[in-house]
Amino acid sequence: MTISSAPTQEPPAVDPATIAVTDTLDCSGLLCPLPVYKASMALKRLAPGEVLELVTTDPGALADIPALARRGGHELLASATEGDGRQRFWLRRGEPR
Protein backbone atom coordinates (compact mmCIF):
# COMPACT_ATOMS: atom_id res chain seq x y z
CA MET A 1 0.00 0.00 0.00
CA THR A 2 1.34 3.43 -0.93
CA ILE A 3 0.32 6.26 1.36
CA SER A 4 0.03 9.70 -0.16
CA SER A 5 -0.90 13.00 1.33
CA ALA A 6 -4.02 14.86 0.36
CA PRO A 7 -3.55 16.86 -2.86
CA THR A 8 -4.49 20.14 -1.20
CA GLN A 9 -2.73 22.74 0.90
CA GLU A 10 -3.53 20.66 3.99
CA PRO A 11 -1.01 19.38 6.55
CA PRO A 12 0.72 16.09 5.65
CA ALA A 13 -1.38 12.95 5.62
CA VAL A 14 -2.13 11.10 8.80
CA ASP A 15 -0.99 7.48 9.17
CA PRO A 16 -4.16 5.51 8.37
CA ALA A 17 -3.31 2.98 11.09
CA THR A 18 -3.91 5.73 13.67
CA ILE A 19 -7.29 6.87 12.31
CA ALA A 20 -10.38 5.91 14.29
CA VAL A 21 -12.81 4.97 11.52
CA THR A 22 -16.51 5.45 12.22
CA ASP A 23 -17.83 3.81 9.05
CA THR A 24 -16.42 2.07 5.96
CA LEU A 25 -17.96 2.29 2.51
CA ASP A 26 -16.79 -0.13 -0.19
CA CYS A 27 -17.51 1.22 -3.68
CA SER A 28 -15.29 -1.31 -5.45
CA GLY A 29 -16.48 -1.96 -8.99
CA LEU A 30 -18.52 1.25 -9.21
CA LEU A 31 -17.66 3.98 -11.69
CA CYS A 32 -18.15 7.74 -11.59
CA PRO A 33 -20.35 9.28 -10.39
CA LEU A 34 -21.44 6.51 -7.99
CA PRO A 35 -18.42 6.51 -5.60
CA VAL A 36 -18.71 10.29 -5.14
CA TYR A 37 -22.48 10.15 -4.73
CA LYS A 38 -22.39 7.27 -2.24
CA ALA A 39 -19.53 8.88 -0.28
CA SER A 40 -21.48 12.13 -0.11
CA MET A 41 -24.55 10.33 1.24
CA ALA A 42 -22.44 8.39 3.76
CA LEU A 43 -20.77 11.58 5.01
CA LYS A 44 -24.19 13.20 5.53
CA ARG A 45 -25.12 10.33 7.87
CA LEU A 46 -22.03 10.91 10.04
CA ALA A 47 -21.73 13.47 12.80
CA PRO A 48 -19.15 16.24 12.41
CA GLY A 49 -15.72 14.88 13.33
CA GLU A 50 -16.53 11.26 12.50
CA VAL A 51 -14.44 9.47 9.87
CA LEU A 52 -15.46 7.62 6.71
CA GLU A 53 -13.08 5.12 5.15
CA LEU A 54 -13.91 4.87 1.44
CA VAL A 55 -12.67 2.05 -0.80
CA THR A 56 -12.86 2.50 -4.59
CA THR A 57 -11.53 0.99 -7.80
CA ASP A 58 -12.51 3.91 -10.04
CA PRO A 59 -9.33 5.70 -11.22
CA GLY A 60 -11.33 8.94 -11.40
CA ALA A 61 -11.78 8.84 -7.63
CA LEU A 62 -8.17 10.00 -7.23
CA ALA A 63 -9.32 13.46 -8.33
CA ASP A 64 -13.02 13.25 -7.48
CA ILE A 65 -12.80 12.37 -3.77
CA PRO A 66 -10.37 15.19 -2.83
CA ALA A 67 -12.67 17.57 -4.75
CA LEU A 68 -15.67 16.24 -2.81
CA ALA A 69 -13.84 16.89 0.45
CA ARG A 70 -12.94 20.47 -0.53
CA ARG A 71 -16.41 21.33 -1.80
CA GLY A 72 -18.16 19.73 1.16
CA GLY A 73 -15.98 21.22 3.88
CA HIS A 74 -14.64 17.81 4.89
CA GLU A 75 -11.03 16.91 5.69
CA LEU A 76 -9.18 14.35 3.60
CA LEU A 77 -6.98 12.80 6.29
CA ALA A 78 -5.11 10.34 4.07
CA SER A 79 -5.31 8.36 0.88
CA ALA A 80 -3.65 5.15 -0.25
CA THR A 81 -3.32 3.25 -3.51
CA GLU A 82 -3.05 -0.51 -3.19
CA GLY A 83 -1.36 -2.89 -5.63
CA ASP A 84 -4.68 -4.40 -6.72
CA GLY A 85 -5.94 -1.08 -8.08
CA ARG A 86 -7.97 -0.13 -5.04
CA GLN A 87 -7.81 3.33 -3.56
CA ARG A 88 -8.64 4.11 0.04
CA PHE A 89 -9.59 7.52 1.39
CA TRP A 90 -10.12 8.60 4.96
CA LEU A 91 -12.47 11.57 5.22
CA ARG A 92 -13.39 13.45 8.40
CA ARG A 93 -16.90 14.90 8.28
CA GLY A 94 -16.91 18.67 8.46
CA GLU A 95 -19.45 20.97 10.06
CA PRO A 96 -22.73 21.32 8.15
CA ARG A 97 -22.83 24.32 5.83
PDB file of N, CA and C in Angstrom:
ATOM      1  N   MET A   1       0.849  -1.162   0.000  1.00  0.00           N
ATOM      2  CA  MET A   1       0.000   0.000   0.000  1.00  0.00           C
ATOM      3  C   MET A   1       0.900   1.231   0.000  1.00  0.00           C
ATOM      4  N   THR A   2       0.603   2.178  -0.874  1.00  0.00           N
ATOM      5  CA  THR A   2       1.341   3.427  -0.931  1.00  0.00           C
ATOM      6  C   THR A   2       0.496   4.505  -0.288  1.00  0.00           C
ATOM      7  N   ILE A   3       1.037   5.185   0.690  1.00  0.00           N
ATOM      8  CA  ILE A   3       0.318   6.259   1.364  1.00  0.00           C
ATOM      9  C   ILE A   3       0.721   7.564   0.718  1.00  0.00           C
ATOM     10  N   SER A   4      -0.265   8.385   0.401  1.00  0.00           N
ATOM     11  CA  SER A   4       0.028   9.702  -0.155  1.00  0.00           C
ATOM     12  C   SER A   4      -0.739  10.748   0.618  1.00  0.00           C
ATOM     13  N   SER A   5      -0.213  11.938   0.627  1.00  0.00           N
ATOM     14  CA  SER A   5      -0.900  13.001   1.331  1.00  0.00           C
ATOM     15  C   SER A   5      -2.000  13.575   0.442  1.00  0.00           C
ATOM     16  N   ALA A   6      -2.911  14.256   1.069  1.00  0.00           N
ATOM     17  CA  ALA A   6      -4.016  14.858   0.357  1.00  0.00           C
ATOM     18  C   ALA A   6      -3.484  15.888  -0.638  1.00  0.00           C
ATOM     19  N   PRO A   7      -4.049  15.943  -1.850  1.00  0.00           N
ATOM     20  CA  PRO A   7      -3.546  16.856  -2.858  1.00  0.00           C
ATOM     21  C   PRO A   7      -4.070  18.274  -2.694  1.00  0.00           C
ATOM     22  N   THR A   8      -4.077  18.777  -1.480  1.00  0.00           N
ATOM     23  CA  THR A   8      -4.493  20.145  -1.201  1.00  0.00           C
ATOM     24  C   THR A   8      -3.409  20.813  -0.371  1.00  0.00           C
ATOM     25  N   GLN A   9      -3.680  22.007   0.074  1.00  0.00           N
ATOM     26  CA  GLN A   9      -2.728  22.743   0.896  1.00  0.00           C
ATOM     27  C   GLN A   9      -2.884  22.374   2.370  1.00  0.00           C
ATOM     28  N   GLU A  10      -3.301  21.167   2.640  1.00  0.00           N
ATOM     29  CA  GLU A  10      -3.527  20.664   3.992  1.00  0.00           C
ATOM     30  C   GLU A  10      -2.205  20.200   4.602  1.00  0.00           C
ATOM     31  N   PRO A  11      -2.190  19.974   5.917  1.00  0.00           N
ATOM     32  CA  PRO A  11      -1.013  19.377   6.547  1.00  0.00           C
ATOM     33  C   PRO A  11      -0.761  17.989   5.966  1.00  0.00           C
ATOM     34  N   PRO A  12       0.417  17.426   6.177  1.00  0.00           N
ATOM     35  CA  PRO A  12       0.717  16.091   5.650  1.00  0.00           C
ATOM     36  C   PRO A  12      -0.308  15.063   6.106  1.00  0.00           C
ATOM     37  N   ALA A  13      -0.408  14.007   5.334  1.00  0.00           N
ATOM     38  CA  ALA A  13      -1.375  12.948   5.624  1.00  0.00           C
ATOM     39  C   ALA A  13      -1.110  12.304   6.974  1.00  0.00           C
ATOM     40  N   VAL A  14      -2.167  11.815   7.540  1.00  0.00           N
ATOM     41  CA  VAL A  14      -2.126  11.096   8.802  1.00  0.00           C
ATOM     42  C   VAL A  14      -1.879   9.630   8.482  1.00  0.00           C
ATOM     43  N   ASP A  15      -1.180   8.926   9.351  1.00  0.00           N
ATOM     44  CA  ASP A  15      -0.987   7.485   9.170  1.00  0.00           C
ATOM     45  C   ASP A  15      -2.344   6.799   9.334  1.00  0.00           C
ATOM     46  N   PRO A  16      -2.845   6.133   8.285  1.00  0.00           N
ATOM     47  CA  PRO A  16      -4.162   5.507   8.373  1.00  0.00           C
ATOM     48  C   PRO A  16      -4.311   4.533   9.541  1.00  0.00           C
ATOM     49  N   ALA A  17      -3.228   3.923   9.968  1.00  0.00           N
ATOM     50  CA  ALA A  17      -3.311   2.979  11.093  1.00  0.00           C
ATOM     51  C   ALA A  17      -3.721   3.669  12.388  1.00  0.00           C
ATOM     52  N   THR A  18      -3.572   4.989  12.449  1.00  0.00           N
ATOM     53  CA  THR A  18      -3.914   5.728  13.669  1.00  0.00           C
ATOM     54  C   THR A  18      -5.292   6.375  13.604  1.00  0.00           C
ATOM     55  N   ILE A  19      -5.995   6.212  12.492  1.00  0.00           N
ATOM     56  CA  ILE A  19      -7.291   6.874  12.306  1.00  0.00           C
ATOM     57  C   ILE A  19      -8.407   6.010  12.896  1.00  0.00           C
ATOM     58  N   ALA A  20      -9.221   6.602  13.736  1.00  0.00           N
ATOM     59  CA  ALA A  20     -10.384   5.914  14.295  1.00  0.00           C
ATOM     60  C   ALA A  20     -11.536   6.046  13.295  1.00  0.00           C
ATOM     61  N   VAL A  21     -11.794   4.974  12.570  1.00  0.00           N
ATOM     62  CA  VAL A  21     -12.811   4.971  11.521  1.00  0.00           C
ATOM     63  C   VAL A  21     -14.184   4.743  12.133  1.00  0.00           C
ATOM     64  N   THR A  22     -15.138   5.585  11.751  1.00  0.00           N
ATOM     65  CA  THR A  22     -16.513   5.447  12.215  1.00  0.00           C
ATOM     66  C   THR A  22     -17.299   4.501  11.319  1.00  0.00           C
ATOM     67  N   ASP A  23     -17.087   4.631  10.004  1.00  0.00           N
ATOM     68  CA  ASP A  23     -17.827   3.814   9.046  1.00  0.00           C
ATOM     69  C   ASP A  23     -16.943   3.558   7.828  1.00  0.00           C
ATOM     70  N   THR A  24     -17.147   2.419   7.174  1.00  0.00           N
ATOM     71  CA  THR A  24     -16.415   2.068   5.964  1.00  0.00           C
ATOM     72  C   THR A  24     -17.419   1.862   4.838  1.00  0.00           C
ATOM     73  N   LEU A  25     -17.111   2.427   3.683  1.00  0.00           N
ATOM     74  CA  LEU A  25     -17.958   2.291   2.508  1.00  0.00           C
ATOM     75  C   LEU A  25     -17.113   1.693   1.388  1.00  0.00           C
ATOM     76  N   ASP A  26     -17.515   0.537   0.884  1.00  0.00           N
ATOM     77  CA  ASP A  26     -16.793  -0.127  -0.193  1.00  0.00           C
ATOM     78  C   ASP A  26     -17.536   0.109  -1.508  1.00  0.00           C
ATOM     79  N   CYS A  27     -16.938   0.917  -2.364  1.00  0.00           N
ATOM     80  CA  CYS A  27     -17.508   1.222  -3.678  1.00  0.00           C
ATOM     81  C   CYS A  27     -16.726   0.530  -4.785  1.00  0.00           C
ATOM     82  N   SER A  28     -16.058  -0.560  -4.458  1.00  0.00           N
ATOM     83  CA  SER A  28     -15.292  -1.311  -5.451  1.00  0.00           C
ATOM     84  C   SER A  28     -16.202  -1.737  -6.593  1.00  0.00           C
ATOM     85  N   GLY A  29     -15.713  -1.564  -7.826  1.00  0.00           N
ATOM     86  CA  GLY A  29     -16.476  -1.956  -8.995  1.00  0.00           C
ATOM     87  C   GLY A  29     -17.413  -0.894  -9.519  1.00  0.00           C
ATOM     88  N   LEU A  30     -17.634   0.170  -8.762  1.00  0.00           N
ATOM     89  CA  LEU A  30     -18.521   1.249  -9.206  1.00  0.00           C
ATOM     90  C   LEU A  30     -17.719   2.327  -9.918  1.00  0.00           C
ATOM     91  N   LEU A  31     -18.308   2.913 -10.945  1.00  0.00           N
ATOM     92  CA  LEU A  31     -17.657   3.980 -11.693  1.00  0.00           C
ATOM     93  C   LEU A  31     -18.351   5.308 -11.434  1.00  0.00           C
ATOM     94  N   CYS A  32     -17.652   6.376 -11.751  1.00  0.00           N
ATOM     95  CA  CYS A  32     -18.148   7.737 -11.592  1.00  0.00           C
ATOM     96  C   CYS A  32     -19.515   7.856 -12.259  1.00  0.00           C
ATOM     97  N   PRO A  33     -20.443   8.459 -11.595  1.00  0.00           N
ATOM     98  CA  PRO A  33     -20.354   9.277 -10.390  1.00  0.00           C
ATOM     99  C   PRO A  33     -20.725   8.546  -9.103  1.00  0.00           C
ATOM    100  N   LEU A  34     -20.924   7.229  -9.164  1.00  0.00           N
ATOM    101  CA  LEU A  34     -21.439   6.510  -7.990  1.00  0.00           C
ATOM    102  C   LEU A  34     -20.545   6.580  -6.752  1.00  0.00           C
ATOM    103  N   PRO A  35     -19.209   6.411  -6.835  1.00  0.00           N
ATOM    104  CA  PRO A  35     -18.416   6.509  -5.605  1.00  0.00           C
ATOM    105  C   PRO A  35     -18.548   7.877  -4.919  1.00  0.00           C
ATOM    106  N   VAL A  36     -18.567   8.939  -5.713  1.00  0.00           N
ATOM    107  CA  VAL A  36     -18.705  10.291  -5.144  1.00  0.00           C
ATOM    108  C   VAL A  36     -20.089  10.456  -4.523  1.00  0.00           C
ATOM    109  N   TYR A  37     -21.116  10.029  -5.237  1.00  0.00           N
ATOM    110  CA  TYR A  37     -22.482  10.146  -4.734  1.00  0.00           C
ATOM    111  C   TYR A  37     -22.660   9.364  -3.440  1.00  0.00           C
ATOM    112  N   LYS A  38     -22.224   8.107  -3.435  1.00  0.00           N
ATOM    113  CA  LYS A  38     -22.387   7.272  -2.242  1.00  0.00           C
ATOM    114  C   LYS A  38     -21.557   7.803  -1.070  1.00  0.00           C
ATOM    115  N   ALA A  39     -20.354   8.303  -1.345  1.00  0.00           N
ATOM    116  CA  ALA A  39     -19.528   8.882  -0.281  1.00  0.00           C
ATOM    117  C   ALA A  39     -20.199  10.121   0.294  1.00  0.00           C
ATOM    118  N   SER A  40     -20.773  10.936  -0.566  1.00  0.00           N
ATOM    119  CA  SER A  40     -21.477  12.135  -0.109  1.00  0.00           C
ATOM    120  C   SER A  40     -22.647  11.777   0.807  1.00  0.00           C
ATOM    121  N   MET A  41     -23.411  10.770   0.413  1.00  0.00           N
ATOM    122  CA  MET A  41     -24.547  10.331   1.237  1.00  0.00           C
ATOM    123  C   MET A  41     -24.061   9.747   2.569  1.00  0.00           C
ATOM    124  N   ALA A  42     -22.987   8.974   2.534  1.00  0.00           N
ATOM    125  CA  ALA A  42     -22.442   8.387   3.764  1.00  0.00           C
ATOM    126  C   ALA A  42     -21.930   9.476   4.704  1.00  0.00           C
ATOM    127  N   LEU A  43     -21.279  10.487   4.171  1.00  0.00           N
ATOM    128  CA  LEU A  43     -20.775  11.585   5.009  1.00  0.00           C
ATOM    129  C   LEU A  43     -21.920  12.344   5.657  1.00  0.00           C
ATOM    130  N   LYS A  44     -23.026  12.497   4.960  1.00  0.00           N
ATOM    131  CA  LYS A  44     -24.190  13.197   5.528  1.00  0.00           C
ATOM    132  C   LYS A  44     -24.761  12.451   6.730  1.00  0.00           C
ATOM    133  N   ARG A  45     -24.604  11.125   6.753  1.00  0.00           N
ATOM    134  CA  ARG A  45     -25.123  10.333   7.872  1.00  0.00           C
ATOM    135  C   ARG A  45     -24.219  10.393   9.107  1.00  0.00           C
ATOM    136  N   LEU A  46     -22.967  10.838   8.920  1.00  0.00           N
ATOM    137  CA  LEU A  46     -22.026  10.909  10.037  1.00  0.00           C
ATOM    138  C   LEU A  46     -22.179  12.231  10.776  1.00  0.00           C
ATOM    139  N   ALA A  47     -21.781  12.234  12.026  1.00  0.00           N
ATOM    140  CA  ALA A  47     -21.735  13.471  12.803  1.00  0.00           C
ATOM    141  C   ALA A  47     -20.426  14.191  12.493  1.00  0.00           C
ATOM    142  N   PRO A  48     -20.405  15.506  12.617  1.00  0.00           N
ATOM    143  CA  PRO A  48     -19.150  16.235  12.407  1.00  0.00           C
ATOM    144  C   PRO A  48     -18.031  15.639  13.260  1.00  0.00           C
ATOM    145  N   GLY A  49     -16.878  15.447  12.631  1.00  0.00           N
ATOM    146  CA  GLY A  49     -15.722  14.883  13.328  1.00  0.00           C
ATOM    147  C   GLY A  49     -15.571  13.384  13.151  1.00  0.00           C
ATOM    148  N   GLU A  50     -16.636  12.699  12.736  1.00  0.00           N
ATOM    149  CA  GLU A  50     -16.532  11.262  12.504  1.00  0.00           C
ATOM    150  C   GLU A  50     -15.830  11.003  11.168  1.00  0.00           C
ATOM    151  N   VAL A  51     -15.292   9.783  11.017  1.00  0.00           N
ATOM    152  CA  VAL A  51     -14.439   9.470   9.868  1.00  0.00           C
ATOM    153  C   VAL A  51     -15.036   8.353   9.018  1.00  0.00           C
ATOM    154  N   LEU A  52     -15.044   8.604   7.703  1.00  0.00           N
ATOM    155  CA  LEU A  52     -15.460   7.621   6.714  1.00  0.00           C
ATOM    156  C   LEU A  52     -14.224   7.080   6.012  1.00  0.00           C
ATOM    157  N   GLU A  53     -14.098   5.758   5.978  1.00  0.00           N
ATOM    158  CA  GLU A  53     -13.082   5.119   5.150  1.00  0.00           C
ATOM    159  C   GLU A  53     -13.787   4.673   3.873  1.00  0.00           C
ATOM    160  N   LEU A  54     -13.303   5.157   2.729  1.00  0.00           N
ATOM    161  CA  LEU A  54     -13.906   4.865   1.442  1.00  0.00           C
ATOM    162  C   LEU A  54     -12.948   4.020   0.616  1.00  0.00           C
ATOM    163  N   VAL A  55     -13.453   2.929   0.054  1.00  0.00           N
ATOM    164  CA  VAL A  55     -12.669   2.052  -0.802  1.00  0.00           C
ATOM    165  C   VAL A  55     -13.255   2.144  -2.207  1.00  0.00           C
ATOM    166  N   THR A  56     -12.399   2.403  -3.208  1.00  0.00           N
ATOM    167  CA  THR A  56     -12.862   2.504  -4.591  1.00  0.00           C
ATOM    168  C   THR A  56     -11.904   1.771  -5.527  1.00  0.00           C
ATOM    169  N   THR A  57     -12.385   1.506  -6.731  1.00  0.00           N
ATOM    170  CA  THR A  57     -11.526   0.993  -7.799  1.00  0.00           C
ATOM    171  C   THR A  57     -11.576   1.916  -9.008  1.00  0.00           C
ATOM    172  N   ASP A  58     -12.359   2.964  -8.940  1.00  0.00           N
ATOM    173  CA  ASP A  58     -12.507   3.914 -10.043  1.00  0.00           C
ATOM    174  C   ASP A  58     -11.303   4.851 -10.078  1.00  0.00           C
ATOM    175  N   PRO A  59     -10.498   4.826 -11.149  1.00  0.00           N
ATOM    176  CA  PRO A  59      -9.329   5.704 -11.216  1.00  0.00           C
ATOM    177  C   PRO A  59      -9.695   7.186 -11.083  1.00  0.00           C
ATOM    178  N   GLY A  60     -10.888   7.552 -11.508  1.00  0.00           N
ATOM    179  CA  GLY A  60     -11.330   8.940 -11.395  1.00  0.00           C
ATOM    180  C   GLY A  60     -11.486   9.416  -9.961  1.00  0.00           C
ATOM    181  N   ALA A  61     -11.612   8.476  -9.038  1.00  0.00           N
ATOM    182  CA  ALA A  61     -11.777   8.837  -7.629  1.00  0.00           C
ATOM    183  C   ALA A  61     -10.551   9.566  -7.082  1.00  0.00           C
ATOM    184  N   LEU A  62      -9.395   9.336  -7.702  1.00  0.00           N
ATOM    185  CA  LEU A  62      -8.169  10.003  -7.230  1.00  0.00           C
ATOM    186  C   LEU A  62      -8.297  11.521  -7.306  1.00  0.00           C
ATOM    187  N   ALA A  63      -9.061  12.026  -8.236  1.00  0.00           N
ATOM    188  CA  ALA A  63      -9.324  13.463  -8.330  1.00  0.00           C
ATOM    189  C   ALA A  63     -10.677  13.820  -7.721  1.00  0.00           C
ATOM    190  N   ASP A  64     -11.656  12.938  -7.895  1.00  0.00           N
ATOM    191  CA  ASP A  64     -13.022  13.247  -7.478  1.00  0.00           C
ATOM    192  C   ASP A  64     -13.203  13.316  -5.963  1.00  0.00           C
ATOM    193  N   ILE A  65     -12.587  12.413  -5.221  1.00  0.00           N
ATOM    194  CA  ILE A  65     -12.797  12.371  -3.769  1.00  0.00           C
ATOM    195  C   ILE A  65     -12.141  13.571  -3.071  1.00  0.00           C
ATOM    196  N   PRO A  66     -10.903  13.949  -3.421  1.00  0.00           N
ATOM    197  CA  PRO A  66     -10.365  15.186  -2.828  1.00  0.00           C
ATOM    198  C   PRO A  66     -11.230  16.407  -3.160  1.00  0.00           C
ATOM    199  N   ALA A  67     -11.783  16.465  -4.380  1.00  0.00           N
ATOM    200  CA  ALA A  67     -12.668  17.574  -4.748  1.00  0.00           C
ATOM    201  C   ALA A  67     -13.945  17.550  -3.911  1.00  0.00           C
ATOM    202  N   LEU A  68     -14.498  16.366  -3.675  1.00  0.00           N
ATOM    203  CA  LEU A  68     -15.672  16.239  -2.814  1.00  0.00           C
ATOM    204  C   LEU A  68     -15.375  16.777  -1.420  1.00  0.00           C
ATOM    205  N   ALA A  69     -14.220  16.415  -0.892  1.00  0.00           N
ATOM    206  CA  ALA A  69     -13.840  16.887   0.448  1.00  0.00           C
ATOM    207  C   ALA A  69     -13.755  18.412   0.478  1.00  0.00           C
ATOM    208  N   ARG A  70     -13.082  18.997  -0.494  1.00  0.00           N
ATOM    209  CA  ARG A  70     -12.936  20.469  -0.528  1.00  0.00           C
ATOM    210  C   ARG A  70     -14.291  21.155  -0.639  1.00  0.00           C
ATOM    211  N   ARG A  71     -15.104  20.695  -1.577  1.00  0.00           N
ATOM    212  CA  ARG A  71     -16.409  21.331  -1.802  1.00  0.00           C
ATOM    213  C   ARG A  71     -17.343  21.158  -0.621  1.00  0.00           C
ATOM    214  N   GLY A  72     -17.251  20.019   0.056  1.00  0.00           N
ATOM    215  CA  GLY A  72     -18.165  19.731   1.156  1.00  0.00           C
ATOM    216  C   GLY A  72     -17.698  20.209   2.515  1.00  0.00           C
ATOM    217  N   GLY A  73     -16.491  20.763   2.591  1.00  0.00           N
ATOM    218  CA  GLY A  73     -15.977  21.222   3.878  1.00  0.00           C
ATOM    219  C   GLY A  73     -15.501  20.088   4.764  1.00  0.00           C
ATOM    220  N   HIS A  74     -15.137  18.963   4.149  1.00  0.00           N
ATOM    221  CA  HIS A  74     -14.638  17.814   4.885  1.00  0.00           C
ATOM    222  C   HIS A  74     -13.116  17.806   4.830  1.00  0.00           C
ATOM    223  N   GLU A  75     -12.488  17.001   5.662  1.00  0.00           N
ATOM    224  CA  GLU A  75     -11.031  16.906   5.688  1.00  0.00           C
ATOM    225  C   GLU A  75     -10.601  15.549   5.160  1.00  0.00           C
ATOM    226  N   LEU A  76      -9.775  15.572   4.118  1.00  0.00           N
ATOM    227  CA  LEU A  76      -9.179  14.349   3.605  1.00  0.00           C
ATOM    228  C   LEU A  76      -7.954  14.073   4.457  1.00  0.00           C
ATOM    229  N   LEU A  77      -8.062  13.098   5.346  1.00  0.00           N
ATOM    230  CA  LEU A  77      -6.981  12.804   6.287  1.00  0.00           C
ATOM    231  C   LEU A  77      -5.825  12.079   5.614  1.00  0.00           C
ATOM    232  N   ALA A  78      -6.142  11.133   4.728  1.00  0.00           N
ATOM    233  CA  ALA A  78      -5.110  10.337   4.065  1.00  0.00           C
ATOM    234  C   ALA A  78      -5.732   9.639   2.878  1.00  0.00           C
ATOM    235  N   SER A  79      -4.877   9.205   1.979  1.00  0.00           N
ATOM    236  CA  SER A  79      -5.313   8.362   0.876  1.00  0.00           C
ATOM    237  C   SER A  79      -4.221   7.343   0.602  1.00  0.00           C
ATOM    238  N   ALA A  80      -4.614   6.217   0.044  1.00  0.00           N
ATOM    239  CA  ALA A  80      -3.655   5.149  -0.246  1.00  0.00           C
ATOM    240  C   ALA A  80      -4.073   4.444  -1.528  1.00  0.00           C
ATOM    241  N   THR A  81      -3.093   4.058  -2.313  1.00  0.00           N
ATOM    242  CA  THR A  81      -3.324   3.253  -3.505  1.00  0.00           C
ATOM    243  C   THR A  81      -2.712   1.888  -3.253  1.00  0.00           C
ATOM    244  N   GLU A  82      -3.510   0.850  -3.440  1.00  0.00           N
ATOM    245  CA  GLU A  82      -3.053  -0.509  -3.192  1.00  0.00           C
ATOM    246  C   GLU A  82      -2.661  -1.168  -4.505  1.00  0.00           C
ATOM    247  N   GLY A  83      -1.856  -2.204  -4.452  1.00  0.00           N
ATOM    248  CA  GLY A  83      -1.356  -2.892  -5.630  1.00  0.00           C
ATOM    249  C   GLY A  83      -2.431  -3.513  -6.501  1.00  0.00           C
ATOM    250  N   ASP A  84      -3.607  -3.775  -5.942  1.00  0.00           N
ATOM    251  CA  ASP A  84      -4.679  -4.403  -6.717  1.00  0.00           C
ATOM    252  C   ASP A  84      -5.579  -3.376  -7.411  1.00  0.00           C
ATOM    253  N   GLY A  85      -5.167  -2.122  -7.415  1.00  0.00           N
ATOM    254  CA  GLY A  85      -5.943  -1.077  -8.082  1.00  0.00           C
ATOM    255  C   GLY A  85      -6.965  -0.395  -7.202  1.00  0.00           C
ATOM    256  N   ARG A  86      -7.038  -0.789  -5.958  1.00  0.00           N
ATOM    257  CA  ARG A  86      -7.973  -0.135  -5.036  1.00  0.00           C
ATOM    258  C   ARG A  86      -7.346   1.139  -4.487  1.00  0.00           C
ATOM    259  N   GLN A  87      -8.216   2.117  -4.265  1.00  0.00           N
ATOM    260  CA  GLN A  87      -7.805   3.332  -3.561  1.00  0.00           C
ATOM    261  C   GLN A  87      -8.615   3.417  -2.269  1.00  0.00           C
ATOM    262  N   ARG A  88      -7.961   3.896  -1.235  1.00  0.00           N
ATOM    263  CA  ARG A  88      -8.640   4.113   0.040  1.00  0.00           C
ATOM    264  C   ARG A  88      -8.487   5.578   0.410  1.00  0.00           C
ATOM    265  N   PHE A  89      -9.564   6.122   0.940  1.00  0.00           N
ATOM    266  CA  PHE A  89      -9.586   7.516   1.386  1.00  0.00           C
ATOM    267  C   PHE A  89     -10.173   7.547   2.782  1.00  0.00           C
ATOM    268  N   TRP A  90      -9.606   8.392   3.616  1.00  0.00           N
ATOM    269  CA  TRP A  90     -10.123   8.604   4.962  1.00  0.00           C
ATOM    270  C   TRP A  90     -10.561  10.053   5.054  1.00  0.00           C
ATOM    271  N   LEU A  91     -11.872  10.242   5.227  1.00  0.00           N
ATOM    272  CA  LEU A  91     -12.469  11.571   5.220  1.00  0.00           C
ATOM    273  C   LEU A  91     -13.109  11.871   6.571  1.00  0.00           C
ATOM    274  N   ARG A  92     -12.751  13.019   7.147  1.00  0.00           N
ATOM    275  CA  ARG A  92     -13.391  13.452   8.396  1.00  0.00           C
ATOM    276  C   ARG A  92     -14.523  14.398   8.039  1.00  0.00           C
ATOM    277  N   ARG A  93     -15.708  14.095   8.540  1.00  0.00           N
ATOM    278  CA  ARG A  93     -16.903  14.905   8.277  1.00  0.00           C
ATOM    279  C   ARG A  93     -16.716  16.291   8.843  1.00  0.00           C
ATOM    280  N   GLY A  94     -16.990  17.291   8.022  1.00  0.00           N
ATOM    281  CA  GLY A  94     -16.915  18.673   8.459  1.00  0.00           C
ATOM    282  C   GLY A  94     -18.225  19.132   9.076  1.00  0.00           C
ATOM    283  N   GLU A  95     -18.239  20.371   9.508  1.00  0.00           N
ATOM    284  CA  GLU A  95     -19.448  20.975  10.055  1.00  0.00           C
ATOM    285  C   GLU A  95     -20.445  21.206   8.916  1.00  0.00           C
ATOM    286  N   PRO A  96     -21.731  21.050   9.189  1.00  0.00           N
ATOM    287  CA  PRO A  96     -22.731  21.322   8.146  1.00  0.00           C
ATOM    288  C   PRO A  96     -22.637  22.764   7.693  1.00  0.00           C
ATOM    289  N   ARG A  97     -22.858  22.951   6.404  1.00  0.00           N
ATOM    290  CA  ARG A  97     -22.834  24.320   5.833  1.00  0.00           C
ATOM    291  C   ARG A  97     -24.205  24.885   5.704  1.00  0.00           C
TER     292      ARG A  97
END
